PDB file of N, CA and C in Angstrom:
ATOM      1  N   MET A   1      58.900 175.380 218.193  1.00  0.00           N
ATOM      2  CA  MET A   1      58.877 176.271 217.048  1.00  0.00           C
ATOM      3  C   MET A   1      57.581 176.036 216.285  1.00  0.00           C
ATOM      4  N   SER A   2      57.155 177.049 215.622  1.00  0.00           N
ATOM      5  CA  SER A   2      55.952 176.949 214.805  1.00  0.00           C
ATOM      6  C   SER A   2      56.343 177.062 213.336  1.00  0.00           C
ATOM      7  N   PHE A   3      55.392 176.707 212.474  1.00  0.00           N
ATOM      8  CA  PHE A   3      55.657 176.826 211.035  1.00  0.00           C
ATOM      9  C   PHE A   3      55.865 178.281 210.636  1.00  0.00           C
ATOM     10  N   ASP A   4      55.118 179.201 211.278  1.00  0.00           N
ATOM     11  CA  ASP A   4      55.300 180.630 210.972  1.00  0.00           C
ATOM     12  C   ASP A   4      56.711 181.083 211.322  1.00  0.00           C
ATOM     13  N   TRP A   5      57.200 180.624 212.479  1.00  0.00           N
ATOM     14  CA  TRP A   5      58.548 180.986 212.914  1.00  0.00           C
ATOM     15  C   TRP A   5      59.577 180.418 211.944  1.00  0.00           C
ATOM     16  N   GLU A   6      59.388 179.165 211.536  1.00  0.00           N
ATOM     17  CA  GLU A   6      60.316 178.548 210.587  1.00  0.00           C
ATOM     18  C   GLU A   6      60.284 179.245 209.233  1.00  0.00           C
ATOM     19  N   ASP A   7      59.123 179.752 208.843  1.00  0.00           N
ATOM     20  CA  ASP A   7      59.040 180.508 207.585  1.00  0.00           C
ATOM     21  C   ASP A   7      59.813 181.816 207.672  1.00  0.00           C
ATOM     22  N   LEU A   8      59.784 182.443 208.847  1.00  0.00           N
ATOM     23  CA  LEU A   8      60.518 183.701 209.039  1.00  0.00           C
ATOM     24  C   LEU A   8      62.025 183.483 209.112  1.00  0.00           C
ATOM     25  N   PHE A   9      62.442 182.333 209.679  1.00  0.00           N
ATOM     26  CA  PHE A   9      63.853 182.046 209.895  1.00  0.00           C
ATOM     27  C   PHE A   9      64.198 180.659 209.344  1.00  0.00           C
ATOM     28  N   PRO A  10      64.250 180.498 208.024  1.00  0.00           N
ATOM     29  CA  PRO A  10      64.423 179.168 207.430  1.00  0.00           C
ATOM     30  C   PRO A  10      65.802 178.552 207.638  1.00  0.00           C
ATOM     31  N   LEU A  11      66.810 179.351 207.924  1.00  0.00           N
ATOM     32  CA  LEU A  11      68.170 178.823 208.063  1.00  0.00           C
ATOM     33  C   LEU A  11      68.547 178.484 209.502  1.00  0.00           C
ATOM     34  N   VAL A  12      67.657 178.744 210.440  1.00  0.00           N
ATOM     35  CA  VAL A  12      67.957 178.518 211.853  1.00  0.00           C
ATOM     36  C   VAL A  12      67.968 177.023 212.158  1.00  0.00           C
ATOM     37  N   THR A  13      68.976 176.609 212.951  1.00  0.00           N
ATOM     38  CA  THR A  13      69.046 175.222 213.412  1.00  0.00           C
ATOM     39  C   THR A  13      69.313 175.215 214.913  1.00  0.00           C
ATOM     40  N   VAL A  14      68.921 174.137 215.554  1.00  0.00           N
ATOM     41  CA  VAL A  14      69.175 173.953 216.979  1.00  0.00           C
ATOM     42  C   VAL A  14      69.866 172.606 217.134  1.00  0.00           C
ATOM     43  N   ARG A  15      70.945 172.603 217.921  1.00  0.00           N
ATOM     44  CA  ARG A  15      71.736 171.386 218.123  1.00  0.00           C
ATOM     45  C   ARG A  15      71.964 171.167 219.602  1.00  0.00           C
ATOM     46  N   LYS A  16      71.854 169.919 220.058  1.00  0.00           N
ATOM     47  CA  LYS A  16      72.152 169.576 221.451  1.00  0.00           C
ATOM     48  C   LYS A  16      73.659 169.399 221.581  1.00  0.00           C
ATOM     49  N   LEU A  17      74.251 170.077 222.562  1.00  0.00           N
ATOM     50  CA  LEU A  17      75.687 169.970 222.803  1.00  0.00           C
ATOM     51  C   LEU A  17      75.952 168.959 223.904  1.00  0.00           C
ATOM     52  N   VAL A  18      77.190 168.529 224.002  1.00  0.00           N
ATOM     53  CA  VAL A  18      77.604 167.596 225.044  1.00  0.00           C
ATOM     54  C   VAL A  18      77.686 168.348 226.356  1.00  0.00           C
ATOM     55  N   ARG A  19      77.181 167.744 227.396  1.00  0.00           N
ATOM     56  CA  ARG A  19      77.240 168.387 228.710  1.00  0.00           C
ATOM     57  C   ARG A  19      78.565 168.041 229.387  1.00  0.00           C
ATOM     58  N   ASP A  20      79.185 169.030 229.990  1.00  0.00           N
ATOM     59  CA  ASP A  20      80.446 168.815 230.701  1.00  0.00           C
ATOM     60  C   ASP A  20      80.202 168.489 232.168  1.00  0.00           C
ATOM     61  N   VAL A  21      79.428 169.287 232.833  1.00  0.00           N
ATOM     62  CA  VAL A  21      79.272 169.136 234.263  1.00  0.00           C
ATOM     63  C   VAL A  21      77.801 168.956 234.650  1.00  0.00           C
ATOM     64  N   SER A  22      76.954 169.770 234.106  1.00  0.00           N
ATOM     65  CA  SER A  22      75.549 169.798 234.493  1.00  0.00           C
ATOM     66  C   SER A  22      74.806 168.558 234.006  1.00  0.00           C
ATOM     67  N   ASP A  23      73.624 168.331 234.592  1.00  0.00           N
ATOM     68  CA  ASP A  23      72.781 167.247 234.101  1.00  0.00           C
ATOM     69  C   ASP A  23      71.839 167.749 233.007  1.00  0.00           C
ATOM     70  N   HIS A  24      72.016 168.999 232.581  1.00  0.00           N
ATOM     71  CA  HIS A  24      71.253 169.577 231.481  1.00  0.00           C
ATOM     72  C   HIS A  24      72.146 169.665 230.246  1.00  0.00           C
ATOM     73  N   ASN A  25      71.542 169.480 229.083  1.00  0.00           N
ATOM     74  CA  ASN A  25      72.291 169.616 227.844  1.00  0.00           C
ATOM     75  C   ASN A  25      72.096 171.016 227.281  1.00  0.00           C
ATOM     76  N   PRO A  26      73.171 171.740 227.030  1.00  0.00           N
ATOM     77  CA  PRO A  26      73.020 173.060 226.407  1.00  0.00           C
ATOM     78  C   PRO A  26      72.591 172.900 224.949  1.00  0.00           C
ATOM     79  N   LEU A  27      71.890 173.898 224.457  1.00  0.00           N
ATOM     80  CA  LEU A  27      71.456 173.914 223.072  1.00  0.00           C
ATOM     81  C   LEU A  27      72.206 175.012 222.342  1.00  0.00           C
ATOM     82  N   LEU A  28      72.589 174.732 221.110  1.00  0.00           N
ATOM     83  CA  LEU A  28      73.257 175.719 220.280  1.00  0.00           C
ATOM     84  C   LEU A  28      72.294 176.150 219.193  1.00  0.00           C
ATOM     85  N   LEU A  29      71.942 177.411 219.200  1.00  0.00           N
ATOM     86  CA  LEU A  29      71.043 177.975 218.208  1.00  0.00           C
ATOM     87  C   LEU A  29      71.886 178.695 217.170  1.00  0.00           C
ATOM     88  N   SER A  30      71.739 178.307 215.924  1.00  0.00           N
ATOM     89  CA  SER A  30      72.496 178.939 214.847  1.00  0.00           C
ATOM     90  C   SER A  30      71.536 179.659 213.916  1.00  0.00           C
ATOM     91  N   SER A  31      71.878 180.884 213.587  1.00  0.00           N
ATOM     92  CA  SER A  31      71.016 181.673 212.698  1.00  0.00           C
ATOM     93  C   SER A  31      71.154 181.258 211.243  1.00  0.00           C
ATOM     94  N   GLY A  32      72.192 180.483 210.943  1.00  0.00           N
ATOM     95  CA  GLY A  32      72.416 180.063 209.571  1.00  0.00           C
ATOM     96  C   GLY A  32      73.179 181.086 208.757  1.00  0.00           C
ATOM     97  N   ALA A  33      73.444 182.257 209.363  1.00  0.00           N
ATOM     98  CA  ALA A  33      74.203 183.291 208.659  1.00  0.00           C
ATOM     99  C   ALA A  33      75.655 182.860 208.561  1.00  0.00           C
ATOM    100  N   LYS A  34      76.279 183.206 207.478  1.00  0.00           N
ATOM    101  CA  LYS A  34      77.691 182.869 207.320  1.00  0.00           C
ATOM    102  C   LYS A  34      78.510 183.718 208.273  1.00  0.00           C
ATOM    103  N   LYS A  35      79.472 183.077 208.912  1.00  0.00           N
ATOM    104  CA  LYS A  35      80.326 183.797 209.847  1.00  0.00           C
ATOM    105  C   LYS A  35      81.745 183.847 209.302  1.00  0.00           C
ATOM    106  N   ASN A  36      82.468 184.821 209.753  1.00  0.00           N
ATOM    107  CA  ASN A  36      83.852 184.978 209.344  1.00  0.00           C
ATOM    108  C   ASN A  36      84.707 184.048 210.187  1.00  0.00           C
ATOM    109  N   THR A  37      85.212 182.992 209.581  1.00  0.00           N
ATOM    110  CA  THR A  37      86.016 182.020 210.332  1.00  0.00           C
ATOM    111  C   THR A  37      87.491 182.122 209.984  1.00  0.00           C
ATOM    112  N   SER A  38      87.903 183.244 209.429  1.00  0.00           N
ATOM    113  CA  SER A  38      89.302 183.375 209.015  1.00  0.00           C
ATOM    114  C   SER A  38      90.255 183.329 210.215  1.00  0.00           C
ATOM    115  N   HIS A  39      89.766 183.714 211.405  1.00  0.00           N
ATOM    116  CA  HIS A  39      90.634 183.699 212.587  1.00  0.00           C
ATOM    117  C   HIS A  39      90.636 182.346 213.284  1.00  0.00           C
ATOM    118  N   GLN A  40      89.745 181.463 212.900  1.00  0.00           N
ATOM    119  CA  GLN A  40      89.683 180.155 213.522  1.00  0.00           C
ATOM    120  C   GLN A  40      90.412 179.141 212.642  1.00  0.00           C
ATOM    121  N   HIS A  41      91.125 178.227 213.281  1.00  0.00           N
ATOM    122  CA  HIS A  41      91.851 177.204 212.548  1.00  0.00           C
ATOM    123  C   HIS A  41      91.201 175.853 212.788  1.00  0.00           C
ATOM    124  N   GLU A  42      91.125 175.072 211.743  1.00  0.00           N
ATOM    125  CA  GLU A  42      90.620 173.716 211.885  1.00  0.00           C
ATOM    126  C   GLU A  42      91.585 172.889 212.702  1.00  0.00           C
ATOM    127  N   PHE A  43      91.044 171.905 213.409  1.00  0.00           N
ATOM    128  CA  PHE A  43      91.906 170.990 214.136  1.00  0.00           C
ATOM    129  C   PHE A  43      92.327 169.886 213.177  1.00  0.00           C
ATOM    130  N   ARG A  44      93.612 169.681 213.071  1.00  0.00           N
ATOM    131  CA  ARG A  44      94.150 168.597 212.240  1.00  0.00           C
ATOM    132  C   ARG A  44      95.191 167.840 213.050  1.00  0.00           C
ATOM    133  N   PHE A  45      94.951 166.553 213.190  1.00  0.00           N
ATOM    134  CA  PHE A  45      95.903 165.708 213.901  1.00  0.00           C
ATOM    135  C   PHE A  45      97.080 165.427 212.980  1.00  0.00           C
ATOM    136  N   GLU A  46      98.273 165.626 213.487  1.00  0.00           N
ATOM    137  CA  GLU A  46      99.479 165.394 212.703  1.00  0.00           C
ATOM    138  C   GLU A  46     100.187 164.136 213.200  1.00  0.00           C
ATOM    139  N   LEU A  47     100.510 163.234 212.306  1.00  0.00           N
ATOM    140  CA  LEU A  47     101.210 162.005 212.688  1.00  0.00           C
ATOM    141  C   LEU A  47     102.558 162.281 213.329  1.00  0.00           C
ATOM    142  N   SER A  48     103.175 163.384 212.973  1.00  0.00           N
ATOM    143  CA  SER A  48     104.481 163.724 213.553  1.00  0.00           C
ATOM    144  C   SER A  48     104.379 163.950 215.060  1.00  0.00           C
ATOM    145  N   TRP A  49     103.193 164.266 215.578  1.00  0.00           N
ATOM    146  CA  TRP A  49     103.029 164.459 217.009  1.00  0.00           C
ATOM    147  C   TRP A  49     103.346 163.171 217.772  1.00  0.00           C
ATOM    148  N   LEU A  50     103.095 162.032 217.144  1.00  0.00           N
ATOM    149  CA  LEU A  50     103.318 160.747 217.810  1.00  0.00           C
ATOM    150  C   LEU A  50     104.793 160.498 218.096  1.00  0.00           C
ATOM    151  N   ARG A  51     105.675 161.172 217.391  1.00  0.00           N
ATOM    152  CA  ARG A  51     107.115 161.008 217.607  1.00  0.00           C
ATOM    153  C   ARG A  51     107.635 161.881 218.753  1.00  0.00           C
ATOM    154  N   ASP A  52     106.833 162.831 219.196  1.00  0.00           N
ATOM    155  CA  ASP A  52     107.232 163.701 220.292  1.00  0.00           C
ATOM    156  C   ASP A  52     107.138 162.942 221.616  1.00  0.00           C
ATOM    157  N   ASP A  53     108.185 162.991 222.421  1.00  0.00           N
ATOM    158  CA  ASP A  53     108.231 162.256 223.682  1.00  0.00           C
ATOM    159  C   ASP A  53     107.148 162.689 224.668  1.00  0.00           C
ATOM    160  N   ASN A  54     106.666 163.898 224.542  1.00  0.00           N
ATOM    161  CA  ASN A  54     105.662 164.401 225.483  1.00  0.00           C
ATOM    162  C   ASN A  54     104.228 164.082 225.071  1.00  0.00           C
ATOM    163  N   PHE A  55     104.033 163.609 223.844  1.00  0.00           N
ATOM    164  CA  PHE A  55     102.672 163.426 223.349  1.00  0.00           C
ATOM    165  C   PHE A  55     101.882 162.407 224.168  1.00  0.00           C
ATOM    166  N   TYR A  56     102.382 161.174 224.280  1.00  0.00           N
ATOM    167  CA  TYR A  56     101.630 160.117 224.968  1.00  0.00           C
ATOM    168  C   TYR A  56     101.394 160.413 226.451  1.00  0.00           C
ATOM    169  N   PRO A  57     102.412 160.858 227.210  1.00  0.00           N
ATOM    170  CA  PRO A  57     102.147 161.176 228.625  1.00  0.00           C
ATOM    171  C   PRO A  57     101.114 162.299 228.781  1.00  0.00           C
ATOM    172  N   THR A  58     101.177 163.293 227.918  1.00  0.00           N
ATOM    173  CA  THR A  58     100.221 164.394 227.992  1.00  0.00           C
ATOM    174  C   THR A  58      98.821 163.920 227.637  1.00  0.00           C
ATOM    175  N   ALA A  59      98.706 163.134 226.577  1.00  0.00           N
ATOM    176  CA  ALA A  59      97.397 162.611 226.175  1.00  0.00           C
ATOM    177  C   ALA A  59      96.806 161.742 227.289  1.00  0.00           C
ATOM    178  N   LYS A  60      97.633 160.919 227.918  1.00  0.00           N
ATOM    179  CA  LYS A  60      97.156 160.054 229.007  1.00  0.00           C
ATOM    180  C   LYS A  60      96.692 160.879 230.198  1.00  0.00           C
ATOM    181  N   ARG A  61      97.441 161.913 230.534  1.00  0.00           N
ATOM    182  CA  ARG A  61      97.068 162.783 231.658  1.00  0.00           C
ATOM    183  C   ARG A  61      95.712 163.444 231.391  1.00  0.00           C
ATOM    184  N   ILE A  62      95.504 163.922 230.190  1.00  0.00           N
ATOM    185  CA  ILE A  62      94.227 164.554 229.836  1.00  0.00           C
ATOM    186  C   ILE A  62      93.107 163.520 229.835  1.00  0.00           C
ATOM    187  N   TRP A  63      93.359 162.352 229.253  1.00  0.00           N
ATOM    188  CA  TRP A  63      92.340 161.304 229.134  1.00  0.00           C
ATOM    189  C   TRP A  63      91.917 160.768 230.500  1.00  0.00           C
ATOM    190  N   ASP A  64      92.851 160.709 231.446  1.00  0.00           N
ATOM    191  CA  ASP A  64      92.573 160.133 232.760  1.00  0.00           C
ATOM    192  C   ASP A  64      91.841 161.086 233.706  1.00  0.00           C
ATOM    193  N   GLN A  65      91.620 162.317 233.294  1.00  0.00           N
ATOM    194  CA  GLN A  65      90.888 163.250 234.146  1.00  0.00           C
ATOM    195  C   GLN A  65      89.448 162.766 234.311  1.00  0.00           C
ATOM    196  N   PRO A  66      88.896 162.877 235.521  1.00  0.00           N
ATOM    197  CA  PRO A  66      87.528 162.406 235.733  1.00  0.00           C
ATOM    198  C   PRO A  66      86.499 163.277 235.004  1.00  0.00           C
ATOM    199  N   VAL A  67      85.439 162.622 234.561  1.00  0.00           N
ATOM    200  CA  VAL A  67      84.353 163.301 233.850  1.00  0.00           C
ATOM    201  C   VAL A  67      83.079 163.102 234.646  1.00  0.00           C
ATOM    202  N   ARG A  68      82.340 164.174 234.837  1.00  0.00           N
ATOM    203  CA  ARG A  68      81.071 164.081 235.552  1.00  0.00           C
ATOM    204  C   ARG A  68      79.940 163.868 234.555  1.00  0.00           C
ATOM    205  N   ALA A  69      79.834 162.649 234.064  1.00  0.00           N
ATOM    206  CA  ALA A  69      78.772 162.272 233.132  1.00  0.00           C
ATOM    207  C   ALA A  69      78.543 160.779 233.292  1.00  0.00           C
ATOM    208  N   ASP A  70      77.353 160.334 232.980  1.00  0.00           N
ATOM    209  CA  ASP A  70      77.014 158.915 233.099  1.00  0.00           C
ATOM    210  C   ASP A  70      76.968 158.212 231.750  1.00  0.00           C
ATOM    211  N   ASP A  71      76.582 158.933 230.732  1.00  0.00           N
ATOM    212  CA  ASP A  71      76.439 158.352 229.404  1.00  0.00           C
ATOM    213  C   ASP A  71      77.817 158.143 228.772  1.00  0.00           C
ATOM    214  N   PRO A  72      78.150 156.910 228.357  1.00  0.00           N
ATOM    215  CA  PRO A  72      79.471 156.651 227.769  1.00  0.00           C
ATOM    216  C   PRO A  72      79.783 157.524 226.552  1.00  0.00           C
ATOM    217  N   ILE A  73      78.780 157.839 225.758  1.00  0.00           N
ATOM    218  CA  ILE A  73      79.008 158.698 224.582  1.00  0.00           C
ATOM    219  C   ILE A  73      79.358 160.110 225.030  1.00  0.00           C
ATOM    220  N   ASP A  74      78.673 160.615 226.060  1.00  0.00           N
ATOM    221  CA  ASP A  74      79.017 161.937 226.587  1.00  0.00           C
ATOM    222  C   ASP A  74      80.432 161.947 227.140  1.00  0.00           C
ATOM    223  N   ILE A  75      80.804 160.895 227.857  1.00  0.00           N
ATOM    224  CA  ILE A  75      82.159 160.797 228.412  1.00  0.00           C
ATOM    225  C   ILE A  75      83.193 160.826 227.292  1.00  0.00           C
ATOM    226  N   LEU A  76      82.971 160.028 226.264  1.00  0.00           N
ATOM    227  CA  LEU A  76      83.893 160.003 225.126  1.00  0.00           C
ATOM    228  C   LEU A  76      83.982 161.374 224.476  1.00  0.00           C
ATOM    229  N   ASN A  77      82.846 162.006 224.215  1.00  0.00           N
ATOM    230  CA  ASN A  77      82.849 163.319 223.557  1.00  0.00           C
ATOM    231  C   ASN A  77      83.565 164.372 224.387  1.00  0.00           C
ATOM    232  N   ILE A  78      83.360 164.345 225.690  1.00  0.00           N
ATOM    233  CA  ILE A  78      84.013 165.322 226.564  1.00  0.00           C
ATOM    234  C   ILE A  78      85.529 165.119 226.546  1.00  0.00           C
ATOM    235  N   LYS A  79      85.966 163.867 226.669  1.00  0.00           N
ATOM    236  CA  LYS A  79      87.409 163.586 226.669  1.00  0.00           C
ATOM    237  C   LYS A  79      88.044 163.960 225.328  1.00  0.00           C
ATOM    238  N   LEU A  80      87.362 163.667 224.233  1.00  0.00           N
ATOM    239  CA  LEU A  80      87.891 164.045 222.918  1.00  0.00           C
ATOM    240  C   LEU A  80      87.950 165.560 222.766  1.00  0.00           C
ATOM    241  N   LYS A  81      86.957 166.255 223.313  1.00  0.00           N
ATOM    242  CA  LYS A  81      86.962 167.714 223.255  1.00  0.00           C
ATOM    243  C   LYS A  81      88.148 168.277 224.023  1.00  0.00           C
ATOM    244  N   TRP A  82      88.432 167.694 225.211  1.00  0.00           N
ATOM    245  CA  TRP A  82      89.583 168.141 225.995  1.00  0.00           C
ATOM    246  C   TRP A  82      90.881 167.921 225.242  1.00  0.00           C
ATOM    247  N   LEU A  83      91.018 166.724 224.626  1.00  0.00           N
ATOM    248  CA  LEU A  83      92.236 166.431 223.855  1.00  0.00           C
ATOM    249  C   LEU A  83      92.388 167.405 222.694  1.00  0.00           C
ATOM    250  N   LYS A  84      91.303 167.630 221.979  1.00  0.00           N
ATOM    251  CA  LYS A  84      91.341 168.547 220.830  1.00  0.00           C
ATOM    252  C   LYS A  84      91.747 169.947 221.282  1.00  0.00           C
ATOM    253  N   LYS A  85      91.134 170.421 222.362  1.00  0.00           N
ATOM    254  CA  LYS A  85      91.427 171.771 222.842  1.00  0.00           C
ATOM    255  C   LYS A  85      92.903 171.923 223.191  1.00  0.00           C
ATOM    256  N   TYR A  86      93.438 170.944 223.915  1.00  0.00           N
ATOM    257  CA  TYR A  86      94.838 171.028 224.308  1.00  0.00           C
ATOM    258  C   TYR A  86      95.767 170.919 223.102  1.00  0.00           C
ATOM    259  N   PHE A  87      95.571 169.877 222.306  1.00  0.00           N
ATOM    260  CA  PHE A  87      96.526 169.615 221.228  1.00  0.00           C
ATOM    261  C   PHE A  87      96.389 170.583 220.049  1.00  0.00           C
ATOM    262  N   LYS A  88      95.259 171.252 219.939  1.00  0.00           N
ATOM    263  CA  LYS A  88      95.135 172.275 218.910  1.00  0.00           C
ATOM    264  C   LYS A  88      96.146 173.396 219.170  1.00  0.00           C
ATOM    265  N   GLY A  89      96.225 173.831 220.416  1.00  0.00           N
ATOM    266  CA  GLY A  89      97.195 174.867 220.773  1.00  0.00           C
ATOM    267  C   GLY A  89      98.612 174.321 220.807  1.00  0.00           C
ATOM    268  N   TRP A  90      98.759 173.102 221.326  1.00  0.00           N
ATOM    269  CA  TRP A  90     100.065 172.464 221.431  1.00  0.00           C
ATOM    270  C   TRP A  90     100.697 172.284 220.048  1.00  0.00           C
ATOM    271  N   GLY A  91      99.916 171.793 219.111  1.00  0.00           N
ATOM    272  CA  GLY A  91     100.419 171.585 217.760  1.00  0.00           C
ATOM    273  C   GLY A  91     100.844 172.874 217.086  1.00  0.00           C
ATOM    274  N   SER A  92     100.113 173.941 217.356  1.00  0.00           N
ATOM    275  CA  SER A  92     100.469 175.239 216.760  1.00  0.00           C
ATOM    276  C   SER A  92     101.756 175.789 217.330  1.00  0.00           C
ATOM    277  N   ASN A  93     101.996 175.528 218.625  1.00  0.00           N
ATOM    278  CA  ASN A  93     103.167 176.098 219.278  1.00  0.00           C
ATOM    279  C   ASN A  93     104.410 175.233 219.138  1.00  0.00           C
ATOM    280  N   VAL A  94     104.252 173.916 219.106  1.00  0.00           N
ATOM    281  CA  VAL A  94     105.406 173.021 219.096  1.00  0.00           C
ATOM    282  C   VAL A  94     105.885 172.725 217.685  1.00  0.00           C
ATOM    283  N   PHE A  95     104.957 172.597 216.745  1.00  0.00           N
ATOM    284  CA  PHE A  95     105.356 172.180 215.392  1.00  0.00           C
ATOM    285  C   PHE A  95     105.227 173.302 214.415  1.00  0.00           C
TER     286      PHE A  95
END
């Protein structure tokens, strides 16, 4: 990026994302414009999930899936993303 480009687009940011499969890291370009997030729900872990008999076996099954990454931080981020994705929907439907 150049200073002229940054002057034209002051709110733009670029972020490196976690790679799932490839040896390349995807980049997320954000325009900085406010987006309508009314249809998206935040992920919130609920302690009551721990009392559900299916929680631990399901979490273990997801966690034990192999990850194609070498960096321990990437592996952790990918596994946490998988858990979040599953339990976000699970929590909405079960509780």
